[in-house]
All heavy atoms as atom14 arrays in JSON, in Angstrom:
{
  "sequence": "AVAAARTDPKGPAVLLLPKDVQQAPVELREPLRAAPPVRTEPRVPD",
  "atom14_mask": [
    [1, 1, 1, 1, 1, 0, 0, 0, 0, 0, 0, 0, 0, 0],
    [1, 1, 1, 1, 1, 1, 1, 0, 0, 0, 0, 0, 0, 0],
    [1, 1, 1, 1, 1, 0, 0, 0, 0, 0, 0, 0, 0, 0],
    [1, 1, 1, 1, 1, 0, 0, 0, 0, 0, 0, 0, 0, 0],
    [1, 1, 1, 1, 1, 0, 0, 0, 0, 0, 0, 0, 0, 0],
    [1, 1, 1, 1, 1, 1, 1, 1, 1, 1, 1, 0, 0, 0],
    [1, 1, 1, 1, 1, 1, 1, 0, 0, 0, 0, 0, 0, 0],
    [1, 1, 1, 1, 1, 1, 1, 1, 0, 0, 0, 0, 0, 0],
    [1, 1, 1, 1, 1, 1, 1, 0, 0, 0, 0, 0, 0, 0],
    [1, 1, 1, 1, 1, 1, 1, 1, 1, 0, 0, 0, 0, 0],
    [1, 1, 1, 1, 0, 0, 0, 0, 0, 0, 0, 0, 0, 0],
    [1, 1, 1, 1, 1, 1, 1, 0, 0, 0, 0, 0, 0, 0],
    [1, 1, 1, 1, 1, 0, 0, 0, 0, 0, 0, 0, 0, 0],
    [1, 1, 1, 1, 1, 1, 1, 0, 0, 0, 0, 0, 0, 0],
    [1, 1, 1, 1, 1, 1, 1, 1, 0, 0, 0, 0, 0, 0],
    [1, 1, 1, 1, 1, 1, 1, 1, 0, 0, 0, 0, 0, 0],
    [1, 1, 1, 1, 1, 1, 1, 1, 0, 0, 0, 0, 0, 0],
    [1, 1, 1, 1, 1, 1, 1, 0, 0, 0, 0, 0, 0, 0],
    [1, 1, 1, 1, 1, 1, 1, 1, 1, 0, 0, 0, 0, 0],
    [1, 1, 1, 1, 1, 1, 1, 1, 0, 0, 0, 0, 0, 0],
    [1, 1, 1, 1, 1, 1, 1, 0, 0, 0, 0, 0, 0, 0],
    [1, 1, 1, 1, 1, 1, 1, 1, 1, 0, 0, 0, 0, 0],
    [1, 1, 1, 1, 1, 1, 1, 1, 1, 0, 0, 0, 0, 0],
    [1, 1, 1, 1, 1, 0, 0, 0, 0, 0, 0, 0, 0, 0],
    [1, 1, 1, 1, 1, 1, 1, 0, 0, 0, 0, 0, 0, 0],
    [1, 1, 1, 1, 1, 1, 1, 0, 0, 0, 0, 0, 0, 0],
    [1, 1, 1, 1, 1, 1, 1, 1, 1, 0, 0, 0, 0, 0],
    [1, 1, 1, 1, 1, 1, 1, 1, 0, 0, 0, 0, 0, 0],
    [1, 1, 1, 1, 1, 1, 1, 1, 1, 1, 1, 0, 0, 0],
    [1, 1, 1, 1, 1, 1, 1, 1, 1, 0, 0, 0, 0, 0],
    [1, 1, 1, 1, 1, 1, 1, 0, 0, 0, 0, 0, 0, 0],
    [1, 1, 1, 1, 1, 1, 1, 1, 0, 0, 0, 0, 0, 0],
    [1, 1, 1, 1, 1, 1, 1, 1, 1, 1, 1, 0, 0, 0],
    [1, 1, 1, 1, 1, 0, 0, 0, 0, 0, 0, 0, 0, 0],
    [1, 1, 1, 1, 1, 0, 0, 0, 0, 0, 0, 0, 0, 0],
    [1, 1, 1, 1, 1, 1, 1, 0, 0, 0, 0, 0, 0, 0],
    [1, 1, 1, 1, 1, 1, 1, 0, 0, 0, 0, 0, 0, 0],
    [1, 1, 1, 1, 1, 1, 1, 0, 0, 0, 0, 0, 0, 0],
    [1, 1, 1, 1, 1, 1, 1, 1, 1, 1, 1, 0, 0, 0],
    [1, 1, 1, 1, 1, 1, 1, 0, 0, 0, 0, 0, 0, 0],
    [1, 1, 1, 1, 1, 1, 1, 1, 1, 0, 0, 0, 0, 0],
    [1, 1, 1, 1, 1, 1, 1, 0, 0, 0, 0, 0, 0, 0],
    [1, 1, 1, 1, 1, 1, 1, 1, 1, 1, 1, 0, 0, 0],
    [1, 1, 1, 1, 1, 1, 1, 0, 0, 0, 0, 0, 0, 0],
    [1, 1, 1, 1, 1, 1, 1, 0, 0, 0, 0, 0, 0, 0],
    [1, 1, 1, 1, 1, 1, 1, 1, 0, 0, 0, 0, 0, 0]
  ],
  "atom14_positions": [
    [[2.35, 1.68, -0.69], [3.33, 1.44, 0.29], [2.73, 0.46, 1.32], [3.26, -0.51, 1.73], [3.95, 2.57, 0.83], [0.0, 0.0, 0.0], [0.0, 0.0, 0.0], [0.0, 0.0, 0.0], [0.0, 0.0, 0.0], [0.0, 0.0, 0.0], [0.0, 0.0, 0.0], [0.0, 0.0, 0.0], [0.0, 0.0, 0.0], [0.0, 0.0, 0.0]],
    [[1.51, 0.95, 1.89], [0.99, 0.21, 2.98], [0.53, -1.15, 2.5], [0.65, -2.2, 3.25], [-0.26, 1.02, 3.51], [-1.08, 0.15, 4.45], [0.22, 2.33, 4.24], [0.0, 0.0, 0.0], [0.0, 0.0, 0.0], [0.0, 0.0, 0.0], [0.0, 0.0, 0.0], [0.0, 0.0, 0.0], [0.0, 0.0, 0.0], [0.0, 0.0, 0.0]],
    [[-0.09, -1.22, 1.34], [-0.49, -2.55, 0.79], [0.73, -3.49, 0.64], [0.54, -4.68, 1.03], [-1.23, -2.37, -0.56], [0.0, 0.0, 0.0], [0.0, 0.0, 0.0], [0.0, 0.0, 0.0], [0.0, 0.0, 0.0], [0.0, 0.0, 0.0], [0.0, 0.0, 0.0], [0.0, 0.0, 0.0], [0.0, 0.0, 0.0], [0.0, 0.0, 0.0]],
    [[1.87, -3.01, 0.13], [2.95, -3.81, -0.08], [3.53, -4.42, 1.19], [3.87, -5.46, 1.45], [4.05, -3.03, -0.85], [0.0, 0.0, 0.0], [0.0, 0.0, 0.0], [0.0, 0.0, 0.0], [0.0, 0.0, 0.0], [0.0, 0.0, 0.0], [0.0, 0.0, 0.0], [0.0, 0.0, 0.0], [0.0, 0.0, 0.0], [0.0, 0.0, 0.0]],
    [[3.47, -3.49, 2.36], [3.96, -3.88, 3.66], [3.29, -4.96, 4.2], [3.62, -5.83, 4.93], [3.97, -2.71, 4.54], [0.0, 0.0, 0.0], [0.0, 0.0, 0.0], [0.0, 0.0, 0.0], [0.0, 0.0, 0.0], [0.0, 0.0, 0.0], [0.0, 0.0, 0.0], [0.0, 0.0, 0.0], [0.0, 0.0, 0.0], [0.0, 0.0, 0.0]],
    [[1.92, -4.88, 3.99], [0.87, -5.81, 4.53], [0.57, -7.11, 3.73], [-0.02, -8.03, 4.24], [-0.44, -5.13, 4.81], [-0.41, -4.09, 5.91], [-1.7, -3.34, 6.04], [-1.71, -2.53, 7.21], [-2.63, -1.56, 7.45], [-3.52, -1.27, 6.52], [-2.6, -0.75, 8.56], [0.0, 0.0, 0.0], [0.0, 0.0, 0.0], [0.0, 0.0, 0.0]],
    [[1.12, -7.13, 2.6], [0.88, -8.35, 1.64], [1.98, -9.35, 1.74], [3.14, -8.91, 1.7], [0.67, -7.77, 0.17], [-0.43, -6.9, 0.14], [0.4, -8.97, -0.7], [0.0, 0.0, 0.0], [0.0, 0.0, 0.0], [0.0, 0.0, 0.0], [0.0, 0.0, 0.0], [0.0, 0.0, 0.0], [0.0, 0.0, 0.0], [0.0, 0.0, 0.0]],
    [[1.67, -10.63, 1.88], [2.54, -11.64, 1.86], [3.45, -11.68, 0.57], [2.93, -11.62, -0.54], [1.91, -13.03, 2.16], [1.42, -13.12, 3.56], [2.05, -12.69, 4.4], [0.4, -13.83, 3.66], [0.0, 0.0, 0.0], [0.0, 0.0, 0.0], [0.0, 0.0, 0.0], [0.0, 0.0, 0.0], [0.0, 0.0, 0.0], [0.0, 0.0, 0.0]],
    [[4.79, -11.84, 0.75], [5.48, -11.86, 2.03], [5.55, -10.34, 2.52], [5.96, -9.49, 1.87], [6.78, -12.29, 1.61], [7.01, -12.02, 0.19], [5.61, -12.11, -0.38], [0.0, 0.0, 0.0], [0.0, 0.0, 0.0], [0.0, 0.0, 0.0], [0.0, 0.0, 0.0], [0.0, 0.0, 0.0], [0.0, 0.0, 0.0], [0.0, 0.0, 0.0]],
    [[5.15, -10.21, 3.73], [5.19, -8.91, 4.42], [6.62, -8.37, 4.51], [7.55, -9.08, 4.38], [4.53, -8.93, 5.73], [3.03, -9.4, 5.73], [2.48, -9.4, 7.13], [1.03, -9.98, 7.14], [0.96, -11.31, 6.89], [0.0, 0.0, 0.0], [0.0, 0.0, 0.0], [0.0, 0.0, 0.0], [0.0, 0.0, 0.0], [0.0, 0.0, 0.0]],
    [[6.66, -6.99, 4.92], [7.87, -6.43, 5.12], [7.83, -4.92, 5.11], [6.77, -4.31, 5.1], [0.0, 0.0, 0.0], [0.0, 0.0, 0.0], [0.0, 0.0, 0.0], [0.0, 0.0, 0.0], [0.0, 0.0, 0.0], [0.0, 0.0, 0.0], [0.0, 0.0, 0.0], [0.0, 0.0, 0.0], [0.0, 0.0, 0.0], [0.0, 0.0, 0.0]],
    [[8.95, -4.25, 5.1], [9.0, -2.73, 5.14], [8.74, -2.04, 3.75], [9.11, -2.69, 2.8], [10.43, -2.41, 5.76], [11.23, -3.59, 5.28], [10.29, -4.73, 5.2], [0.0, 0.0, 0.0], [0.0, 0.0, 0.0], [0.0, 0.0, 0.0], [0.0, 0.0, 0.0], [0.0, 0.0, 0.0], [0.0, 0.0, 0.0], [0.0, 0.0, 0.0]],
    [[8.05, -0.89, 3.86], [7.96, -0.07, 2.63], [8.55, 1.3, 3.02], [8.45, 1.77, 4.17], [6.57, 0.11, 2.24], [0.0, 0.0, 0.0], [0.0, 0.0, 0.0], [0.0, 0.0, 0.0], [0.0, 0.0, 0.0], [0.0, 0.0, 0.0], [0.0, 0.0, 0.0], [0.0, 0.0, 0.0], [0.0, 0.0, 0.0], [0.0, 0.0, 0.0]],
    [[9.13, 1.99, 2.08], [9.76, 3.3, 2.32], [9.24, 4.39, 1.38], [9.05, 4.06, 0.22], [11.31, 3.22, 2.14], [11.95, 4.5, 2.06], [11.98, 2.43, 3.28], [0.0, 0.0, 0.0], [0.0, 0.0, 0.0], [0.0, 0.0, 0.0], [0.0, 0.0, 0.0], [0.0, 0.0, 0.0], [0.0, 0.0, 0.0], [0.0, 0.0, 0.0]],
    [[8.88, 5.5, 2.07], [8.56, 6.68, 1.21], [9.65, 7.76, 1.43], [9.83, 8.15, 2.62], [7.15, 7.2, 1.51], [5.94, 6.38, 1.09], [4.67, 6.93, 1.42], [6.02, 6.0, -0.49], [0.0, 0.0, 0.0], [0.0, 0.0, 0.0], [0.0, 0.0, 0.0], [0.0, 0.0, 0.0], [0.0, 0.0, 0.0], [0.0, 0.0, 0.0]],
    [[10.3, 8.18, 0.49], [11.26, 9.2, 0.57], [10.65, 10.64, 0.24], [9.98, 10.82, -0.77], [12.45, 8.98, -0.57], [13.17, 7.68, -0.45], [14.03, 7.41, -1.64], [13.88, 7.58, 0.92], [0.0, 0.0, 0.0], [0.0, 0.0, 0.0], [0.0, 0.0, 0.0], [0.0, 0.0, 0.0], [0.0, 0.0, 0.0], [0.0, 0.0, 0.0]],
    [[10.77, 11.48, 1.24], [9.92, 12.74, 1.29], [10.92, 13.96, 1.24], [11.35, 14.38, 2.32], [9.09, 12.77, 2.52], [8.1, 11.68, 2.62], [7.6, 11.57, 4.13], [7.03, 11.69, 1.62], [0.0, 0.0, 0.0], [0.0, 0.0, 0.0], [0.0, 0.0, 0.0], [0.0, 0.0, 0.0], [0.0, 0.0, 0.0], [0.0, 0.0, 0.0]],
    [[11.18, 14.65, 0.09], [11.89, 15.89, 0.09], [11.2, 16.88, 0.94], [9.91, 16.98, 0.94], [11.97, 16.23, -1.39], [11.76, 14.93, -2.09], [10.87, 14.11, -1.18], [0.0, 0.0, 0.0], [0.0, 0.0, 0.0], [0.0, 0.0, 0.0], [0.0, 0.0, 0.0], [0.0, 0.0, 0.0], [0.0, 0.0, 0.0], [0.0, 0.0, 0.0]],
    [[12.03, 17.82, 1.57], [11.4, 18.7, 2.54], [10.37, 19.66, 1.88], [9.35, 20.0, 2.45], [12.6, 19.51, 3.1], [12.02, 20.49, 4.3], [13.18, 21.21, 4.87], [12.65, 22.33, 5.95], [11.95, 21.67, 7.08], [0.0, 0.0, 0.0], [0.0, 0.0, 0.0], [0.0, 0.0, 0.0], [0.0, 0.0, 0.0], [0.0, 0.0, 0.0]],
    [[10.73, 20.19, 0.65], [9.72, 21.11, -0.02], [8.43, 20.4, -0.41], [7.39, 20.91, -0.36], [10.42, 21.8, -1.23], [10.97, 20.74, -2.11], [11.48, 19.8, -1.8], [10.86, 21.03, -3.43], [0.0, 0.0, 0.0], [0.0, 0.0, 0.0], [0.0, 0.0, 0.0], [0.0, 0.0, 0.0], [0.0, 0.0, 0.0], [0.0, 0.0, 0.0]],
    [[8.62, 19.09, -0.69], [7.32, 18.36, -1.14], [6.54, 18.15, 0.12], [5.28, 18.04, 0.13], [7.73, 17.02, -1.81], [6.51, 16.24, -2.05], [8.59, 17.35, -3.04], [0.0, 0.0, 0.0], [0.0, 0.0, 0.0], [0.0, 0.0, 0.0], [0.0, 0.0, 0.0], [0.0, 0.0, 0.0], [0.0, 0.0, 0.0], [0.0, 0.0, 0.0]],
    [[7.14, 17.95, 1.22], [6.43, 17.7, 2.54], [5.6, 19.02, 2.84], [4.45, 18.84, 3.38], [7.42, 17.61, 3.66], [8.19, 16.31, 3.73], [9.16, 16.18, 4.92], [8.73, 16.36, 6.01], [10.41, 15.86, 4.74], [0.0, 0.0, 0.0], [0.0, 0.0, 0.0], [0.0, 0.0, 0.0], [0.0, 0.0, 0.0], [0.0, 0.0, 0.0]],
    [[6.08, 20.15, 2.49], [5.34, 21.41, 2.76], [4.4, 21.74, 1.71], [3.54, 22.69, 1.86], [6.47, 22.48, 2.84], [7.43, 22.25, 4.01], [8.58, 23.31, 3.97], [8.92, 23.82, 2.84], [9.21, 23.54, 4.99], [0.0, 0.0, 0.0], [0.0, 0.0, 0.0], [0.0, 0.0, 0.0], [0.0, 0.0, 0.0], [0.0, 0.0, 0.0]],
    [[4.45, 21.01, 0.55], [3.63, 21.37, -0.52], [2.06, 21.12, -0.32], [1.77, 20.22, 0.47], [3.98, 20.69, -1.83], [0.0, 0.0, 0.0], [0.0, 0.0, 0.0], [0.0, 0.0, 0.0], [0.0, 0.0, 0.0], [0.0, 0.0, 0.0], [0.0, 0.0, 0.0], [0.0, 0.0, 0.0], [0.0, 0.0, 0.0], [0.0, 0.0, 0.0]],
    [[1.19, 21.93, -0.95], [-0.26, 21.66, -0.66], [-0.8, 20.43, -1.37], [-0.43, 20.07, -2.37], [-0.99, 22.89, -1.2], [0.09, 23.35, -2.21], [1.46, 23.07, -1.77], [0.0, 0.0, 0.0], [0.0, 0.0, 0.0], [0.0, 0.0, 0.0], [0.0, 0.0, 0.0], [0.0, 0.0, 0.0], [0.0, 0.0, 0.0], [0.0, 0.0, 0.0]],
    [[-1.73, 19.75, -0.59], [-2.29, 18.48, -1.19], [-3.89, 18.76, -0.96], [-4.3, 19.22, 0.1], [-1.88, 17.32, -0.41], [-2.77, 16.06, -0.89], [-0.45, 17.02, -0.66], [0.0, 0.0, 0.0], [0.0, 0.0, 0.0], [0.0, 0.0, 0.0], [0.0, 0.0, 0.0], [0.0, 0.0, 0.0], [0.0, 0.0, 0.0], [0.0, 0.0, 0.0]],
    [[-4.61, 18.48, -2.01], [-6.14, 18.59, -1.83], [-6.63, 17.45, -0.92], [-6.35, 16.35, -1.02], [-6.73, 18.42, -3.15], [-8.25, 18.7, -3.14], [-8.89, 18.53, -4.46], [-8.18, 18.56, -5.51], [-10.18, 18.41, -4.56], [0.0, 0.0, 0.0], [0.0, 0.0, 0.0], [0.0, 0.0, 0.0], [0.0, 0.0, 0.0], [0.0, 0.0, 0.0]],
    [[-7.36, 17.9, 0.22], [-7.78, 17.01, 1.12], [-9.11, 16.3, 0.48], [-10.12, 16.87, 0.43], [-8.2, 17.64, 2.37], [-8.43, 16.91, 3.66], [-7.2, 16.11, 3.94], [-8.92, 17.79, 4.74], [0.0, 0.0, 0.0], [0.0, 0.0, 0.0], [0.0, 0.0, 0.0], [0.0, 0.0, 0.0], [0.0, 0.0, 0.0], [0.0, 0.0, 0.0]],
    [[-8.87, 15.04, 0.2], [-9.99, 14.2, -0.4], [-9.75, 12.78, -0.01], [-8.78, 12.42, 0.69], [-9.98, 14.37, -1.93], [-8.6, 14.0, -2.54], [-8.61, 14.25, -4.1], [-7.3, 14.0, -4.7], [-6.8, 12.88, -5.07], [-7.45, 11.76, -4.85], [-5.56, 12.83, -5.69], [0.0, 0.0, 0.0], [0.0, 0.0, 0.0], [0.0, 0.0, 0.0]],
    [[-10.79, 11.99, -0.41], [-10.63, 10.58, -0.04], [-9.38, 10.01, -0.81], [-9.26, 10.13, -2.01], [-11.86, 9.82, -0.5], [-13.1, 10.07, 0.4], [-12.74, 9.78, 1.82], [-12.38, 8.58, 2.08], [-13.05, 10.59, 2.71], [0.0, 0.0, 0.0], [0.0, 0.0, 0.0], [0.0, 0.0, 0.0], [0.0, 0.0, 0.0], [0.0, 0.0, 0.0]],
    [[-8.62, 9.28, -0.08], [-7.35, 8.69, -0.73], [-7.67, 7.65, -1.67], [-8.76, 7.07, -1.66], [-6.53, 8.24, 0.54], [-7.63, 7.86, 1.46], [-8.74, 8.91, 1.34], [0.0, 0.0, 0.0], [0.0, 0.0, 0.0], [0.0, 0.0, 0.0], [0.0, 0.0, 0.0], [0.0, 0.0, 0.0], [0.0, 0.0, 0.0], [0.0, 0.0, 0.0]],
    [[-6.74, 7.47, -2.55], [-6.89, 6.27, -3.57], [-6.42, 5.06, -2.78], [-5.4, 5.05, -2.21], [-5.95, 6.49, -4.8], [-6.23, 7.7, -5.66], [-5.12, 7.8, -6.78], [-7.72, 7.51, -6.27], [0.0, 0.0, 0.0], [0.0, 0.0, 0.0], [0.0, 0.0, 0.0], [0.0, 0.0, 0.0], [0.0, 0.0, 0.0], [0.0, 0.0, 0.0]],
    [[-7.37, 4.17, -2.59], [-7.08, 2.91, -1.87], [-6.64, 1.89, -2.83], [-7.22, 1.76, -3.99], [-8.37, 2.41, -1.14], [-8.93, 3.44, -0.22], [-8.08, 3.68, 1.03], [-8.58, 4.73, 1.96], [-8.0, 5.08, 2.98], [-6.77, 4.67, 3.27], [-8.56, 5.93, 3.85], [0.0, 0.0, 0.0], [0.0, 0.0, 0.0], [0.0, 0.0, 0.0]],
    [[-5.56, 1.17, -2.46], [-5.27, 0.06, -3.39], [-6.27, -1.14, -3.43], [-6.87, -1.25, -2.26], [-3.95, -0.53, -2.75], [0.0, 0.0, 0.0], [0.0, 0.0, 0.0], [0.0, 0.0, 0.0], [0.0, 0.0, 0.0], [0.0, 0.0, 0.0], [0.0, 0.0, 0.0], [0.0, 0.0, 0.0], [0.0, 0.0, 0.0], [0.0, 0.0, 0.0]],
    [[-6.56, -1.66, -4.55], [-7.51, -2.59, -4.52], [-7.22, -3.72, -3.68], [-6.01, -4.24, -3.62], [-7.68, -3.09, -5.98], [0.0, 0.0, 0.0], [0.0, 0.0, 0.0], [0.0, 0.0, 0.0], [0.0, 0.0, 0.0], [0.0, 0.0, 0.0], [0.0, 0.0, 0.0], [0.0, 0.0, 0.0], [0.0, 0.0, 0.0], [0.0, 0.0, 0.0]],
    [[-8.15, -4.28, -2.93], [-7.81, -5.43, -1.96], [-7.58, -6.59, -2.77], [-7.99, -6.8, -3.84], [-9.08, -5.57, -1.19], [-10.21, -4.99, -1.94], [-9.55, -3.87, -2.81], [0.0, 0.0, 0.0], [0.0, 0.0, 0.0], [0.0, 0.0, 0.0], [0.0, 0.0, 0.0], [0.0, 0.0, 0.0], [0.0, 0.0, 0.0], [0.0, 0.0, 0.0]],
    [[-6.57, -7.4, -2.3], [-6.15, -8.55, -3.04], [-7.4, -9.57, -3.16], [-8.22, -9.67, -2.27], [-5.09, -9.27, -2.15], [-5.32, -8.67, -0.83], [-5.87, -7.26, -0.97], [0.0, 0.0, 0.0], [0.0, 0.0, 0.0], [0.0, 0.0, 0.0], [0.0, 0.0, 0.0], [0.0, 0.0, 0.0], [0.0, 0.0, 0.0], [0.0, 0.0, 0.0]],
    [[-7.5, -10.18, -4.32], [-8.72, -11.05, -4.53], [-8.29, -12.41, -3.81], [-7.28, -13.09, -3.96], [-8.66, -11.46, -5.98], [-9.86, -12.42, -6.29], [-8.88, -10.13, -6.85], [0.0, 0.0, 0.0], [0.0, 0.0, 0.0], [0.0, 0.0, 0.0], [0.0, 0.0, 0.0], [0.0, 0.0, 0.0], [0.0, 0.0, 0.0], [0.0, 0.0, 0.0]],
    [[-9.18, -12.67, -2.82], [-9.09, -13.9, -1.98], [-9.59, -15.12, -2.74], [-10.88, -15.1, -3.21], [-9.74, -13.79, -0.69], [-9.06, -12.65, 0.22], [-9.81, -12.56, 1.5], [-9.56, -13.83, 2.26], [-8.57, -13.97, 3.12], [-7.67, -13.05, 3.21], [-8.48, -15.14, 3.81], [0.0, 0.0, 0.0], [0.0, 0.0, 0.0], [0.0, 0.0, 0.0]],
    [[-8.77, -16.19, -2.87], [-9.23, -17.29, -3.59], [-9.1, -18.44, -2.64], [-8.26, -18.47, -1.71], [-8.48, -17.65, -4.84], [-7.13, -17.73, -4.53], [-8.71, -16.49, -5.96], [0.0, 0.0, 0.0], [0.0, 0.0, 0.0], [0.0, 0.0, 0.0], [0.0, 0.0, 0.0], [0.0, 0.0, 0.0], [0.0, 0.0, 0.0], [0.0, 0.0, 0.0]],
    [[-10.01, -19.53, -2.73], [-9.78, -20.66, -1.79], [-8.53, -21.32, -2.1], [-8.2, -21.67, -3.25], [-11.06, -21.55, -2.23], [-10.99, -22.74, -1.24], [-11.61, -22.48, 0.15], [-12.03, -21.25, 0.43], [-11.74, -23.4, 1.01], [0.0, 0.0, 0.0], [0.0, 0.0, 0.0], [0.0, 0.0, 0.0], [0.0, 0.0, 0.0], [0.0, 0.0, 0.0]],
    [[-7.6, -21.46, -1.12], [-6.27, -22.19, -1.37], [-6.55, -23.5, -1.86], [-7.56, -24.22, -1.54], [-5.84, -22.18, 0.1], [-6.5, -21.2, 0.89], [-7.88, -21.18, 0.38], [0.0, 0.0, 0.0], [0.0, 0.0, 0.0], [0.0, 0.0, 0.0], [0.0, 0.0, 0.0], [0.0, 0.0, 0.0], [0.0, 0.0, 0.0], [0.0, 0.0, 0.0]],
    [[-5.68, -23.95, -2.66], [-5.73, -25.38, -3.21], [-4.68, -26.15, -2.45], [-3.53, -25.82, -2.45], [-5.34, -25.21, -4.78], [-5.33, -26.77, -5.35], [-5.11, -26.56, -6.79], [-4.89, -27.99, -7.42], [-3.73, -28.66, -7.4], [-2.64, -27.98, -7.01], [-3.74, -29.74, -7.92], [0.0, 0.0, 0.0], [0.0, 0.0, 0.0], [0.0, 0.0, 0.0]],
    [[-5.15, -27.25, -1.88], [-4.34, -28.22, -1.18], [-4.3, -29.49, -2.05], [-5.34, -30.18, -2.15], [-4.86, -28.52, 0.19], [-3.82, -29.54, 0.89], [-4.83, -27.25, 1.07], [0.0, 0.0, 0.0], [0.0, 0.0, 0.0], [0.0, 0.0, 0.0], [0.0, 0.0, 0.0], [0.0, 0.0, 0.0], [0.0, 0.0, 0.0], [0.0, 0.0, 0.0]],
    [[-3.2, -29.64, -2.78], [-3.25, -30.8, -3.67], [-3.42, -32.17, -3.04], [-3.04, -32.42, -1.89], [-1.93, -30.74, -4.48], [-1.02, -29.92, -3.52], [-2.02, -28.94, -2.79], [0.0, 0.0, 0.0], [0.0, 0.0, 0.0], [0.0, 0.0, 0.0], [0.0, 0.0, 0.0], [0.0, 0.0, 0.0], [0.0, 0.0, 0.0], [0.0, 0.0, 0.0]],
    [[-4.02, -33.08, -3.75], [-4.17, -34.48, -3.25], [-2.92, -35.08, -2.79], [-2.85, -35.82, -1.75], [-4.84, -35.34, -4.35], [-6.31, -34.98, -4.59], [-6.87, -34.17, -3.78], [-6.83, -35.37, -5.65], [0.0, 0.0, 0.0], [0.0, 0.0, 0.0], [0.0, 0.0, 0.0], [0.0, 0.0, 0.0], [0.0, 0.0, 0.0], [0.0, 0.0, 0.0]]
  ]
}
C-alpha cells in the first residue's frame, strides 16, 4: 500500500480493516519491504 501511494503516478492507498482482524495477534518481526523500484537513467530522445 505504501509503495503504491509513493510510486508515480502517486495517490491514495486503502487498507480495509475488520475489527476482529485489528485485534488479532501478529508476530512482531521485520516487515516485508516492497522491493524498491529499479532506477534507470531516463531516456530523452533526440
